[in-house]
Amino acid sequence: MSHMRKHSINFTLLLLAICFLLSDHSAAQHMNAVDAPCRGPATTLDEMQCLIAASKVADERLERTYNRVREVLSKDEQNDLQQAQRLWLKYRDANCSAERNLYGGGTAAPVVHAACMEADTRERTAELKTMYGWRLKKFGKDVE
């Protein structure tokens, strides 16, 4: 094998390795956030399993917070919150789909989507606590 051909094969292998690393450990905003729950897993499968578990926890916290907030609102305020929550869900789904689509059909796409869903859900919970925290405290309905 000629020196030039061997160099070309090594360069190609290096490029493939870089592409693989970038696709599996992408620089997605939500996956690399300081407070991201799944920064340690080494494989895509491990990361996906971690994100599924973290999303479940985030969904449960959001539901608990949302229901607690509803308890301290008038009927009109509950309707406003319900409308806002429905719009937020549409936004979250569209936002995370847009982020996933940045990765096309690559192996990082579902991981990016799961990370986005978890992070956006966690952020919504914090937002509800900020918006309604004073009302929750007033009625002794604080949430974790």
C-alpha atoms as a PDB file:
ATOM      1  CA  MET A   1       0.000   0.000   0.000  1.00  0.00           C
ATOM      2  CA  SER A   2       1.405   3.347  -0.942  1.00  0.00           C
ATOM      3  CA  HIS A   3       2.200   5.985   1.667  1.00  0.00           C
ATOM      4  CA  MET A   4      -0.319   8.393   0.080  1.00  0.00           C
ATOM      5  CA  ARG A   5      -3.148   5.822   0.094  1.00  0.00           C
ATOM      6  CA  LYS A   6      -2.412   4.877   3.737  1.00  0.00           C
ATOM      7  CA  HIS A   7      -2.496   8.586   4.700  1.00  0.00           C
ATOM      8  CA  SER A   8      -5.804   9.016   2.864  1.00  0.00           C
ATOM      9  CA  ILE A   9      -7.376   6.056   4.708  1.00  0.00           C
ATOM     10  CA  ASN A  10      -6.156   7.337   8.087  1.00  0.00           C
ATOM     11  CA  PHE A  11      -7.539  10.806   7.330  1.00  0.00           C
ATOM     12  CA  THR A  12     -10.894   9.320   6.291  1.00  0.00           C
ATOM     13  CA  LEU A  13     -11.059   7.254   9.476  1.00  0.00           C
ATOM     14  CA  LEU A  14     -10.253  10.338  11.537  1.00  0.00           C
ATOM     15  CA  LEU A  15     -13.040  12.298   9.838  1.00  0.00           C
ATOM     16  CA  LEU A  16     -15.521   9.460  10.405  1.00  0.00           C
ATOM     17  CA  ALA A  17     -14.555   9.263  14.086  1.00  0.00           C
ATOM     18  CA  ILE A  18     -15.050  13.014  14.498  1.00  0.00           C
ATOM     19  CA  CYS A  19     -18.464  12.856  12.791  1.00  0.00           C
ATOM     20  CA  PHE A  20     -19.480   9.967  15.037  1.00  0.00           C
ATOM     21  CA  LEU A  21     -18.442  11.796  18.166  1.00  0.00           C
ATOM     22  CA  LEU A  22     -20.229  14.956  17.123  1.00  0.00           C
ATOM     23  CA  SER A  23     -23.426  13.136  16.250  1.00  0.00           C
ATOM     24  CA  ASP A  24     -23.607  11.145  19.489  1.00  0.00           C
ATOM     25  CA  HIS A  25     -22.475  13.905  21.831  1.00  0.00           C
ATOM     26  CA  SER A  26     -23.875  16.926  20.108  1.00  0.00           C
ATOM     27  CA  ALA A  27     -23.618  20.460  21.362  1.00  0.00           C
ATOM     28  CA  ALA A  28     -27.358  20.759  21.864  1.00  0.00           C
ATOM     29  CA  GLN A  29     -28.183  23.625  24.143  1.00  0.00           C
ATOM     30  CA  HIS A  30     -30.346  21.639  26.562  1.00  0.00           C
ATOM     31  CA  MET A  31     -28.028  18.667  26.803  1.00  0.00           C
ATOM     32  CA  ASN A  32     -25.076  20.830  27.774  1.00  0.00           C
ATOM     33  CA  ALA A  33     -26.818  23.189  30.162  1.00  0.00           C
ATOM     34  CA  VAL A  34     -25.175  23.435  33.562  1.00  0.00           C
ATOM     35  CA  ASP A  35     -28.312  22.119  35.258  1.00  0.00           C
ATOM     36  CA  ALA A  36     -28.947  19.308  32.736  1.00  0.00           C
ATOM     37  CA  PRO A  37     -29.722  16.097  34.630  1.00  0.00           C
ATOM     38  CA  CYS A  38     -27.942  13.667  32.288  1.00  0.00           C
ATOM     39  CA  ARG A  39     -24.473  15.020  31.725  1.00  0.00           C
ATOM     40  CA  GLY A  40     -22.670  11.852  32.858  1.00  0.00           C
ATOM     41  CA  PRO A  41     -23.880   8.947  30.669  1.00  0.00           C
ATOM     42  CA  ALA A  42     -21.280   7.703  28.193  1.00  0.00           C
ATOM     43  CA  THR A  43     -23.482   6.080  25.556  1.00  0.00           C
ATOM     44  CA  THR A  44     -26.435   7.332  23.582  1.00  0.00           C
ATOM     45  CA  LEU A  45     -28.596   4.566  25.056  1.00  0.00           C
ATOM     46  CA  ASP A  46     -27.586   5.463  28.626  1.00  0.00           C
ATOM     47  CA  GLU A  47     -28.255   9.116  27.940  1.00  0.00           C
ATOM     48  CA  MET A  48     -31.650   8.370  26.415  1.00  0.00           C
ATOM     49  CA  GLN A  49     -32.657   6.218  29.403  1.00  0.00           C
ATOM     50  CA  CYS A  50     -31.516   8.941  31.785  1.00  0.00           C
ATOM     51  CA  LEU A  51     -33.482  11.591  29.881  1.00  0.00           C
ATOM     52  CA  ILE A  52     -36.623   9.456  29.838  1.00  0.00           C
ATOM     53  CA  ALA A  53     -36.401   9.080  33.622  1.00  0.00           C
ATOM     54  CA  ALA A  54     -35.613  12.792  34.088  1.00  0.00           C
ATOM     55  CA  SER A  55     -38.539  13.759  31.828  1.00  0.00           C
ATOM     56  CA  LYS A  56     -40.885  11.651  33.907  1.00  0.00           C
ATOM     57  CA  VAL A  57     -39.719  13.432  37.062  1.00  0.00           C
ATOM     58  CA  ALA A  58     -40.039  16.845  35.357  1.00  0.00           C
ATOM     59  CA  ASP A  59     -43.574  16.008  34.142  1.00  0.00           C
ATOM     60  CA  GLU A  60     -44.627  14.882  37.634  1.00  0.00           C
ATOM     61  CA  ARG A  61     -43.261  18.066  39.211  1.00  0.00           C
ATOM     62  CA  LEU A  62     -44.978  20.232  36.618  1.00  0.00           C
ATOM     63  CA  GLU A  63     -48.287  18.451  37.127  1.00  0.00           C
ATOM     64  CA  ARG A  64     -47.990  18.736  40.920  1.00  0.00           C
ATOM     65  CA  THR A  65     -47.121  22.448  40.684  1.00  0.00           C
ATOM     66  CA  TYR A  66     -49.860  23.152  38.128  1.00  0.00           C
ATOM     67  CA  ASN A  67     -52.507  21.415  40.261  1.00  0.00           C
ATOM     68  CA  ARG A  68     -51.330  23.184  43.407  1.00  0.00           C
ATOM     69  CA  VAL A  69     -51.516  26.557  41.637  1.00  0.00           C
ATOM     70  CA  ARG A  70     -55.035  25.817  40.400  1.00  0.00           C
ATOM     71  CA  GLU A  71     -56.123  25.303  44.026  1.00  0.00           C
ATOM     72  CA  VAL A  72     -55.393  28.949  44.881  1.00  0.00           C
ATOM     73  CA  LEU A  73     -56.999  30.544  41.806  1.00  0.00           C
ATOM     74  CA  SER A  74     -60.497  31.783  41.081  1.00  0.00           C
ATOM     75  CA  LYS A  75     -62.444  30.122  38.250  1.00  0.00           C
ATOM     76  CA  ASP A  76     -61.454  32.886  35.806  1.00  0.00           C
ATOM     77  CA  GLU A  77     -57.816  32.643  36.849  1.00  0.00           C
ATOM     78  CA  GLN A  78     -57.943  28.859  36.456  1.00  0.00           C
ATOM     79  CA  ASN A  79     -59.288  29.308  32.931  1.00  0.00           C
ATOM     80  CA  ASP A  80     -56.486  31.755  32.137  1.00  0.00           C
ATOM     81  CA  LEU A  81     -53.896  29.327  33.470  1.00  0.00           C
ATOM     82  CA  GLN A  82     -55.418  26.422  31.568  1.00  0.00           C
ATOM     83  CA  GLN A  83     -55.361  28.388  28.310  1.00  0.00           C
ATOM     84  CA  ALA A  84     -51.763  29.465  28.916  1.00  0.00           C
ATOM     85  CA  GLN A  85     -50.750  25.884  29.736  1.00  0.00           C
ATOM     86  CA  ARG A  86     -52.300  24.544  26.535  1.00  0.00           C
ATOM     87  CA  LEU A  87     -50.434  27.158  24.508  1.00  0.00           C
ATOM     88  CA  TRP A  88     -47.224  26.435  26.375  1.00  0.00           C
ATOM     89  CA  LEU A  89     -47.540  22.708  25.586  1.00  0.00           C
ATOM     90  CA  LYS A  90     -47.912  23.531  21.884  1.00  0.00           C
ATOM     91  CA  TYR A  91     -44.902  25.836  22.104  1.00  0.00           C
ATOM     92  CA  ARG A  92     -42.764  23.248  23.925  1.00  0.00           C
ATOM     93  CA  ASP A  93     -43.604  20.538  21.428  1.00  0.00           C
ATOM     94  CA  ALA A  94     -42.884  22.794  18.432  1.00  0.00           C
ATOM     95  CA  ASN A  95     -39.726  24.198  20.015  1.00  0.00           C
ATOM     96  CA  CYS A  96     -38.285  20.777  20.795  1.00  0.00           C
ATOM     97  CA  SER A  97     -39.237  19.414  17.376  1.00  0.00           C
ATOM     98  CA  ALA A  98     -37.421  22.341  15.768  1.00  0.00           C
ATOM     99  CA  GLU A  99     -34.315  21.616  17.834  1.00  0.00           C
ATOM    100  CA  ARG A 100     -34.507  17.894  16.994  1.00  0.00           C
ATOM    101  CA  ASN A 101     -34.842  18.718  13.289  1.00  0.00           C
ATOM    102  CA  LEU A 102     -31.491  20.501  13.395  1.00  0.00           C
ATOM    103  CA  TYR A 103     -29.953  17.017  13.660  1.00  0.00           C
ATOM    104  CA  GLY A 104     -31.934  15.468  10.808  1.00  0.00           C
ATOM    105  CA  GLY A 105     -32.082  11.711  11.068  1.00  0.00           C
ATOM    106  CA  GLY A 106     -28.869  11.459  13.064  1.00  0.00           C
ATOM    107  CA  THR A 107     -28.528   9.434  16.231  1.00  0.00           C
ATOM    108  CA  ALA A 108     -28.426  12.618  18.300  1.00  0.00           C
ATOM    109  CA  ALA A 109     -31.888  13.778  17.148  1.00  0.00           C
ATOM    110  CA  PRO A 110     -34.006  11.762  19.630  1.00  0.00           C
ATOM    111  CA  VAL A 111     -31.603  12.524  22.478  1.00  0.00           C
ATOM    112  CA  VAL A 112     -31.720  16.236  21.672  1.00  0.00           C
ATOM    113  CA  HIS A 113     -35.526  16.109  21.574  1.00  0.00           C
ATOM    114  CA  ALA A 114     -35.757  14.311  24.914  1.00  0.00           C
ATOM    115  CA  ALA A 115     -33.294  16.740  26.518  1.00  0.00           C
ATOM    116  CA  CYS A 116     -35.278  19.708  25.231  1.00  0.00           C
ATOM    117  CA  MET A 117     -38.590  18.312  26.488  1.00  0.00           C
ATOM    118  CA  GLU A 118     -37.135  17.705  29.941  1.00  0.00           C
ATOM    119  CA  ALA A 119     -35.462  21.109  30.162  1.00  0.00           C
ATOM    120  CA  ASP A 120     -38.457  23.069  28.883  1.00  0.00           C
ATOM    121  CA  THR A 121     -40.754  21.226  31.296  1.00  0.00           C
ATOM    122  CA  ARG A 122     -38.417  21.949  34.197  1.00  0.00           C
ATOM    123  CA  GLU A 123     -38.288  25.608  33.163  1.00  0.00           C
ATOM    124  CA  ARG A 124     -42.098  25.806  32.998  1.00  0.00           C
ATOM    125  CA  THR A 125     -42.353  24.464  36.540  1.00  0.00           C
ATOM    126  CA  ALA A 126     -39.938  27.146  37.747  1.00  0.00           C
ATOM    127  CA  GLU A 127     -41.900  29.764  35.821  1.00  0.00           C
ATOM    128  CA  LEU A 128     -45.184  28.750  37.481  1.00  0.00           C
ATOM    129  CA  LYS A 129     -43.519  28.883  40.899  1.00  0.00           C
ATOM    130  CA  THR A 130     -42.223  32.369  40.141  1.00  0.00           C
ATOM    131  CA  MET A 131     -45.527  33.659  38.786  1.00  0.00           C
ATOM    132  CA  TYR A 132     -47.780  32.158  41.459  1.00  0.00           C
ATOM    133  CA  GLY A 133     -45.367  31.675  44.356  1.00  0.00           C
ATOM    134  CA  TRP A 134     -46.747  34.567  46.356  1.00  0.00           C
ATOM    135  CA  ARG A 135     -50.274  33.176  46.025  1.00  0.00           C
ATOM    136  CA  LEU A 136     -49.147  29.683  46.992  1.00  0.00           C
ATOM    137  CA  LYS A 137     -47.426  31.055  50.104  1.00  0.00           C
ATOM    138  CA  LYS A 138     -50.461  33.162  50.991  1.00  0.00           C
ATOM    139  CA  PHE A 139     -52.618  30.035  51.075  1.00  0.00           C
ATOM    140  CA  GLY A 140     -49.964  27.754  52.569  1.00  0.00           C
ATOM    141  CA  LYS A 141     -49.742  25.605  49.420  1.00  0.00           C
ATOM    142  CA  ASP A 142     -46.014  25.770  48.726  1.00  0.00           C
ATOM    143  CA  VAL A 143     -44.622  23.108  46.433  1.00  0.00           C
ATOM    144  CA  GLU A 144     -41.161  21.567  46.554  1.00  0.00           C
END
